Amino acid sequence: MEDETEKLVAQADAFNERLRAAGLAEAFHEAIENSDVDGLSAVLLRLGYSDVDIAATLSNFSGVFRPKGFDPCGFVPRDKHDLESADRAIAAGYPAVEPVLSYLLEWIQDMNWPVGQRLAPFLAAIGTPLVPHIRKAFETDDEMWKYLIMHEIFLESPEVAEKFRGELKRIAYSPTESEVVEELHEKALDVLHHYGWE
C-alpha cells in the first residue's frame, strides 16, 4: 500500500511539473476550481493527451466535473457533505430534478456519504422515471453501486424492481464471479423473496 501511495505521489508530482513547464498550471487549477470540463480538456489537449486519454481522465472525475450550466438550480451535491443541495433537490421534487437524475443516482454509490443517506429514500419514491438511469448504472462494473441500488431502491419501489425482474433472476441464479464476490446474488434473492417473485 505504501509503495502504491508513493507511486501515485510521484505521478502527481510529474504531472504538476509538466503543467508548470508548459505554463498551464494556472489554467489547470482554474478548470478544477470552476468544475470546467471544457477548460480541463483544453489543458490536457495542450499537454499532448489524445482524445481517448482525455475521455479516460475526465471519466475519473465524473463526480467533480459537470458540463457548464448542467445544474442551474443547484440540485446536485458538490461533495458528500453537501446536504443543502440534496435538500434543495428533495424540496423541488420530481419532475424538477429530471435533468439531473443520473447525477443524483451517483450519490448512492456509497451509503456512508451523508448525501447518499439523504437522497436514497427520495430517489426510491420517484419510481419509474429512474429506470433508464438505473439501467446505465447496471451496465457499469460497479457491483457495489448495483448492490446499493437493489437495497435502497428496489426494496422500496416495487414498480422499479419489476422492470429489473429478469435481471434480478439472472443475478440470483447465474451470477458472475464479481457479482458473487460483492454478494449481489444474495441481494437479488432478497429482492425476489421480498416481492414473492422467486
Protein backbone atom coordinates (compact mmCIF):
# COMPACT_ATOMS: atom_id res chain seq x y z
CA MET A 1 0.00 0.00 0.00
CA GLU A 2 2.84 2.37 0.87
CA ASP A 3 4.55 1.61 -2.48
CA GLU A 4 1.28 2.34 -4.30
CA THR A 5 0.91 5.65 -2.46
CA GLU A 6 4.48 6.63 -3.31
CA LYS A 7 3.83 5.76 -6.96
CA LEU A 8 0.69 7.94 -7.05
CA VAL A 9 2.54 10.83 -5.40
CA ALA A 10 5.37 10.52 -7.94
CA GLN A 11 2.84 10.53 -10.82
CA ALA A 12 1.13 13.62 -9.40
CA ASP A 13 4.48 15.40 -8.99
CA ALA A 14 5.46 14.54 -12.57
CA PHE A 15 2.12 15.79 -13.89
CA ASN A 16 2.39 19.05 -11.92
CA GLU A 17 5.91 19.55 -13.28
CA ARG A 18 4.59 19.10 -16.83
CA LEU A 19 1.90 21.69 -16.12
CA ARG A 20 4.48 24.18 -14.81
CA ALA A 21 6.86 23.59 -17.70
CA ALA A 22 4.06 24.15 -20.22
CA GLY A 23 2.79 27.24 -18.41
CA LEU A 24 -0.58 25.57 -17.87
CA ALA A 25 -0.68 25.23 -14.09
CA GLU A 26 -2.94 28.26 -13.60
CA ALA A 27 -5.35 27.17 -16.36
CA PHE A 28 -5.50 23.66 -14.90
CA HIS A 29 -6.25 24.82 -11.37
CA GLU A 30 -8.83 27.30 -12.65
CA ALA A 31 -10.59 24.49 -14.53
CA ILE A 32 -10.60 22.35 -11.38
CA GLU A 33 -11.90 25.21 -9.24
CA ASN A 34 -14.71 26.02 -11.68
CA SER A 35 -15.57 22.38 -12.50
CA ASP A 36 -14.93 23.38 -16.11
CA VAL A 37 -14.76 20.21 -18.18
CA ASP A 38 -14.08 22.14 -21.38
CA GLY A 39 -11.22 24.03 -19.76
CA LEU A 40 -9.66 20.85 -18.42
CA SER A 41 -9.99 19.17 -21.82
CA ALA A 42 -8.20 22.11 -23.43
CA VAL A 43 -5.34 21.89 -20.91
CA LEU A 44 -4.94 18.14 -21.44
CA LEU A 45 -5.02 18.61 -25.21
CA ARG A 46 -2.22 21.18 -24.98
CA LEU A 47 -0.23 18.70 -22.88
CA GLY A 48 -0.44 16.25 -25.78
CA TYR A 49 -3.16 13.97 -24.46
CA SER A 50 -5.10 12.04 -27.11
CA ASP A 51 -8.90 12.25 -27.26
CA VAL A 52 -9.05 8.76 -25.74
CA ASP A 53 -6.74 9.76 -22.87
CA ILE A 54 -8.75 12.93 -22.26
CA ALA A 55 -12.02 10.97 -22.12
CA ALA A 56 -10.47 8.45 -19.72
CA THR A 57 -9.13 11.22 -17.48
CA LEU A 58 -12.47 13.03 -17.40
CA SER A 59 -14.32 9.82 -16.55
CA ASN A 60 -12.19 9.55 -13.41
CA PHE A 61 -13.60 12.90 -12.32
CA SER A 62 -17.27 12.26 -13.13
CA GLY A 63 -18.25 13.34 -9.63
CA VAL A 64 -16.31 16.58 -9.91
CA PHE A 65 -16.67 17.82 -13.47
CA ARG A 66 -20.04 18.60 -14.94
CA PRO A 67 -20.96 20.29 -18.21
CA LYS A 68 -21.31 24.04 -17.87
CA GLY A 69 -24.80 25.05 -16.81
CA PHE A 70 -25.93 21.44 -16.31
CA ASP A 71 -27.48 22.17 -12.90
CA PRO A 72 -28.76 25.75 -12.80
CA CYS A 73 -30.90 25.06 -9.73
CA GLY A 74 -28.06 23.60 -7.66
CA PHE A 75 -29.76 20.25 -7.03
CA VAL A 76 -26.65 18.06 -7.33
CA PRO A 77 -24.38 17.90 -4.28
CA ARG A 78 -20.82 19.07 -4.89
CA ASP A 79 -19.42 16.76 -2.21
CA LYS A 80 -20.56 14.05 0.18
CA HIS A 81 -21.43 16.56 2.90
CA ASP A 82 -23.43 18.96 0.68
CA LEU A 83 -26.79 18.32 2.34
CA GLU A 84 -28.01 21.77 1.32
CA SER A 85 -28.06 20.78 -2.36
CA ALA A 86 -29.60 17.39 -1.54
CA ASP A 87 -32.35 19.08 0.45
CA ARG A 88 -32.93 21.54 -2.38
CA ALA A 89 -33.45 18.62 -4.78
CA ILE A 90 -35.82 16.90 -2.37
CA ALA A 91 -37.82 20.09 -1.81
CA ALA A 92 -38.12 20.68 -5.57
CA GLY A 93 -39.19 17.08 -6.15
CA TYR A 94 -39.87 15.31 -9.41
CA PRO A 95 -40.11 16.36 -12.27
CA ALA A 96 -37.96 19.39 -11.38
CA VAL A 97 -34.94 17.12 -10.82
CA GLU A 98 -35.45 15.08 -14.03
CA PRO A 99 -32.48 16.68 -15.88
CA VAL A 100 -30.06 15.64 -13.13
CA LEU A 101 -31.45 12.26 -12.02
CA SER A 102 -28.40 10.36 -13.26
CA TYR A 103 -26.12 12.61 -11.21
CA LEU A 104 -28.27 12.24 -8.09
CA LEU A 105 -28.20 8.46 -8.50
CA GLU A 106 -24.38 8.58 -8.42
CA TRP A 107 -24.57 9.76 -4.83
CA ILE A 108 -25.80 6.39 -3.59
CA GLN A 109 -22.57 4.70 -4.67
CA ASP A 110 -21.53 4.83 -1.01
CA MET A 111 -24.12 4.91 1.75
CA ASN A 112 -21.54 6.19 4.21
CA TRP A 113 -21.88 9.52 2.42
CA PRO A 114 -24.36 11.80 4.24
CA VAL A 115 -25.86 12.96 0.94
CA GLY A 116 -26.39 9.34 -0.11
CA GLN A 117 -28.35 8.64 3.05
CA ARG A 118 -30.44 11.76 2.46
CA LEU A 119 -31.12 11.14 -1.25
CA ALA A 120 -31.81 7.37 -1.27
CA PRO A 121 -35.41 7.50 0.06
CA PHE A 122 -36.18 10.43 -2.24
CA LEU A 123 -34.87 8.58 -5.29
CA ALA A 124 -36.82 5.42 -4.38
CA ALA A 125 -40.01 7.49 -4.15
CA ILE A 126 -39.52 8.87 -7.68
CA GLY A 127 -40.20 5.43 -9.12
CA THR A 128 -40.16 4.51 -12.81
CA PRO A 129 -38.50 7.70 -14.15
CA LEU A 130 -35.33 6.31 -12.53
CA VAL A 131 -35.39 3.15 -14.65
CA PRO A 132 -33.26 4.34 -17.62
CA HIS A 133 -30.67 5.80 -15.24
CA ILE A 134 -30.51 2.57 -13.24
CA ARG A 135 -30.12 0.62 -16.49
CA LYS A 136 -27.00 2.68 -17.24
CA ALA A 137 -25.68 2.01 -13.73
CA PHE A 138 -26.23 -1.72 -14.29
CA GLU A 139 -24.11 -1.51 -17.45
CA THR A 140 -21.09 -0.47 -15.36
CA ASP A 141 -18.69 -2.73 -13.46
CA ASP A 142 -19.55 -1.05 -10.15
CA GLU A 143 -21.05 -4.06 -8.37
CA MET A 144 -21.33 -2.25 -5.03
CA TRP A 145 -23.38 0.52 -6.65
CA LYS A 146 -25.72 -2.13 -8.09
CA TYR A 147 -25.97 -3.76 -4.65
CA LEU A 148 -26.93 -0.44 -3.09
CA ILE A 149 -29.49 0.29 -5.81
CA MET A 150 -31.10 -3.07 -5.07
CA HIS A 151 -31.09 -2.39 -1.33
CA GLU A 152 -32.07 1.28 -1.31
CA ILE A 153 -34.37 1.50 -4.34
CA PHE A 154 -35.62 -1.94 -5.44
CA LEU A 155 -36.70 -2.95 -1.93
CA GLU A 156 -38.60 0.33 -1.57
CA SER A 157 -40.02 0.68 -5.08
CA PRO A 158 -41.84 -2.37 -6.48
CA GLU A 159 -42.56 -0.64 -9.78
CA VAL A 160 -38.84 -0.05 -10.35
CA ALA A 161 -37.84 -3.53 -9.16
CA GLU A 162 -40.42 -5.06 -11.54
CA LYS A 163 -38.59 -3.53 -14.51
CA PHE A 164 -35.46 -5.45 -13.44
CA ARG A 165 -37.14 -8.71 -12.51
CA GLY A 166 -35.40 -10.69 -15.26
CA GLU A 167 -32.00 -9.24 -14.39
CA LEU A 168 -32.58 -9.96 -10.70
CA LYS A 169 -33.30 -13.62 -11.51
CA ARG A 170 -30.21 -13.83 -13.69
CA ILE A 171 -28.02 -12.35 -10.92
CA ALA A 172 -29.65 -14.54 -8.25
CA TYR A 173 -29.35 -17.83 -10.10
CA SER A 174 -26.49 -17.32 -12.58
CA PRO A 175 -24.21 -14.68 -11.07
CA THR A 176 -20.85 -13.71 -12.48
CA GLU A 177 -17.75 -14.13 -10.35
CA SER A 178 -17.63 -10.42 -9.49
CA GLU A 179 -21.32 -10.46 -8.54
CA VAL A 180 -20.64 -13.35 -6.14
CA VAL A 181 -17.67 -11.52 -4.61
CA GLU A 182 -19.84 -8.46 -3.88
CA GLU A 183 -22.79 -10.67 -2.76
CA LEU A 184 -25.06 -9.27 -5.46
CA HIS A 185 -26.68 -12.68 -5.91
CA GLU A 186 -27.76 -12.68 -2.26
CA LYS A 187 -29.21 -9.18 -2.50
CA ALA A 188 -31.02 -10.10 -5.74
CA LEU A 189 -32.55 -13.08 -3.90
CA ASP A 190 -33.60 -10.74 -1.08
CA VAL A 191 -35.48 -8.58 -3.59
CA LEU A 192 -37.08 -11.58 -5.28
CA HIS A 193 -38.18 -13.02 -1.92
CA HIS A 194 -39.43 -9.61 -0.79
CA TYR A 195 -41.91 -9.50 -3.67
CA GLY A 196 -42.58 -13.24 -3.89
CA TRP A 197 -41.03 -13.46 -7.37
CA GLU A 198 -38.73 -16.43 -6.84
